[in-house]
Protein backbone atom coordinates (compact mmCIF):
# COMPACT_ATOMS: atom_id res chain seq x y z
CA MET A 1 164.62 120.05 64.34
CA ILE A 2 162.28 122.24 66.34
CA ASP A 3 163.51 125.71 67.03
CA PRO A 4 163.15 127.06 70.61
CA ASP A 5 160.38 129.50 69.60
CA GLN A 6 158.17 126.67 68.30
CA LYS A 7 158.93 124.61 71.38
CA GLN A 8 157.80 127.48 73.61
CA GLN A 9 154.61 127.93 71.57
CA MET A 10 153.87 124.20 71.89
CA GLU A 11 154.33 124.35 75.67
CA GLN A 12 152.00 127.35 75.87
CA LEU A 13 149.43 125.56 73.73
CA GLU A 14 149.65 122.44 75.88
CA ALA A 15 149.20 124.58 79.02
CA LYS A 16 146.10 126.20 77.51
CA ILE A 17 144.67 122.79 76.56
CA ALA A 18 145.31 121.46 80.07
CA ALA A 19 143.63 124.53 81.60
CA ALA A 20 140.63 124.14 79.29
CA LYS A 21 140.31 120.44 80.18
CA LYS A 22 140.53 121.24 83.87
CA ALA A 23 137.79 123.88 83.52
CA GLN A 24 135.52 121.31 81.81
CA GLU A 25 135.99 118.64 84.47
CA PRO A 26 132.97 118.09 86.69
CA GLY A 27 133.34 119.24 90.26
CA PRO A 28 133.41 116.86 93.18
CA ARG A 29 130.14 115.07 93.61
CA GLN A 30 128.08 116.37 96.48
CA ASP A 31 125.50 114.48 98.46
CA GLU A 32 122.19 114.37 96.68
CA HIS A 33 119.59 116.49 98.36
CA TYR A 34 115.90 116.17 97.85
CA SER A 35 114.13 119.14 96.40
CA GLN A 36 111.13 120.55 98.19
CA ALA A 37 108.85 119.16 95.48
CA GLN A 38 110.13 115.62 96.04
CA LEU A 39 109.56 115.95 99.76
CA ALA A 40 106.05 117.25 99.20
CA TRP A 41 105.24 114.35 96.86
CA ARG A 42 106.59 111.92 99.43
CA MET A 43 104.24 113.33 102.04
CA VAL A 44 101.25 113.25 99.68
CA ILE A 45 101.97 109.64 98.74
CA GLU A 46 102.20 108.68 102.41
CA LEU A 47 98.80 110.25 103.08
CA VAL A 48 97.14 108.66 100.05
CA ALA A 49 98.69 105.28 100.86
CA GLY A 50 97.25 105.42 104.38
CA LEU A 51 93.83 106.30 103.01
CA GLY A 52 93.99 103.59 100.35
CA ILE A 53 95.09 100.87 102.73
CA GLY A 54 92.42 101.84 105.27
CA PHE A 55 89.74 101.95 102.58
CA GLY A 56 90.82 98.58 101.19
CA MET A 57 90.84 96.89 104.58
CA GLY A 58 87.46 98.36 105.52
CA TYR A 59 85.87 97.42 102.20
CA GLY A 60 87.30 93.91 102.48
CA LEU A 61 85.91 93.45 105.96
CA ASP A 62 82.52 94.81 104.88
CA PHE A 63 82.50 92.42 101.94
CA LEU A 64 83.58 89.51 104.12
CA PHE A 65 81.00 90.11 106.84
CA GLY A 66 78.26 91.45 104.56
CA THR A 67 77.81 94.55 106.70
CA LEU A 68 76.92 98.08 105.82
CA PRO A 69 79.93 100.24 104.94
CA ILE A 70 80.67 100.76 108.63
CA PHE A 71 84.11 99.10 108.51
CA MET A 72 84.96 101.02 105.36
CA VAL A 73 84.23 104.33 107.09
CA ILE A 74 86.07 103.36 110.29
CA PHE A 75 89.15 102.02 108.53
CA THR A 76 89.26 104.95 106.09
CA MET A 77 89.36 107.31 109.07
CA LEU A 78 92.04 105.17 110.71
CA GLY A 79 94.00 105.22 107.44
CA LEU A 80 93.71 109.00 107.33
CA ALA A 81 95.03 109.23 110.87
CA ALA A 82 97.90 106.88 110.06
CA GLY A 83 98.75 108.86 106.91
CA VAL A 84 98.77 112.16 108.80
CA LYS A 85 100.93 110.64 111.54
CA THR A 86 103.40 109.38 108.93
CA MET A 87 103.44 112.78 107.22
CA LEU A 88 104.21 114.50 110.52
CA ARG A 89 106.99 112.02 111.23
CA SER A 90 108.50 112.75 107.80
CA ALA A 91 108.22 116.50 108.36
CA ASN A 92 110.00 116.17 111.74
CA GLU A 93 112.72 114.07 110.13
CA ILE A 94 113.28 116.69 107.43
CA GLN A 95 113.31 119.48 109.99
CA GLU A 96 115.86 117.66 112.16
CA LYS A 97 118.13 117.14 109.14
CA LYS A 98 117.96 120.84 108.25
CA LEU A 99 118.68 121.89 111.83
CA ALA A 100 121.65 119.50 111.95
CA GLU A 101 122.99 120.91 108.67
CA GLU A 102 122.65 124.48 109.96
CA ALA A 103 124.42 123.54 113.20
CA ASP A 104 127.25 121.96 111.19
CA LYS A 105 127.58 125.11 109.08
CA LYS A 106 127.73 127.26 112.23
CA ASP A 107 130.38 125.00 113.75
CA GLU A 108 132.49 125.16 110.57
CA GLY A 109 132.14 128.95 110.38
CA ALA A 110 133.11 129.51 114.02
């Protein structure tokens, strides 16, 4: 038979174990947010992709028509413009998300 003192010690021990397990549990999962480095890499990749696609199309047209590298230069510049436009669109998207988050925080705080 278990005496009442041992029973009380067991209950205290079980309470400590439960508290320790609860402290080790992971918190609720939050939405994943992109770090600034990931956003910067995204923008760089968009710019390089625009340049690469423009260069490839221009080189292909030059090869196909047997011309001087005029199409390569033109399409590389067009690719640069497209890449910059895409970067600016991404930057505006990120800025709008941050402004929306700040507005939500202000609404919750008010």
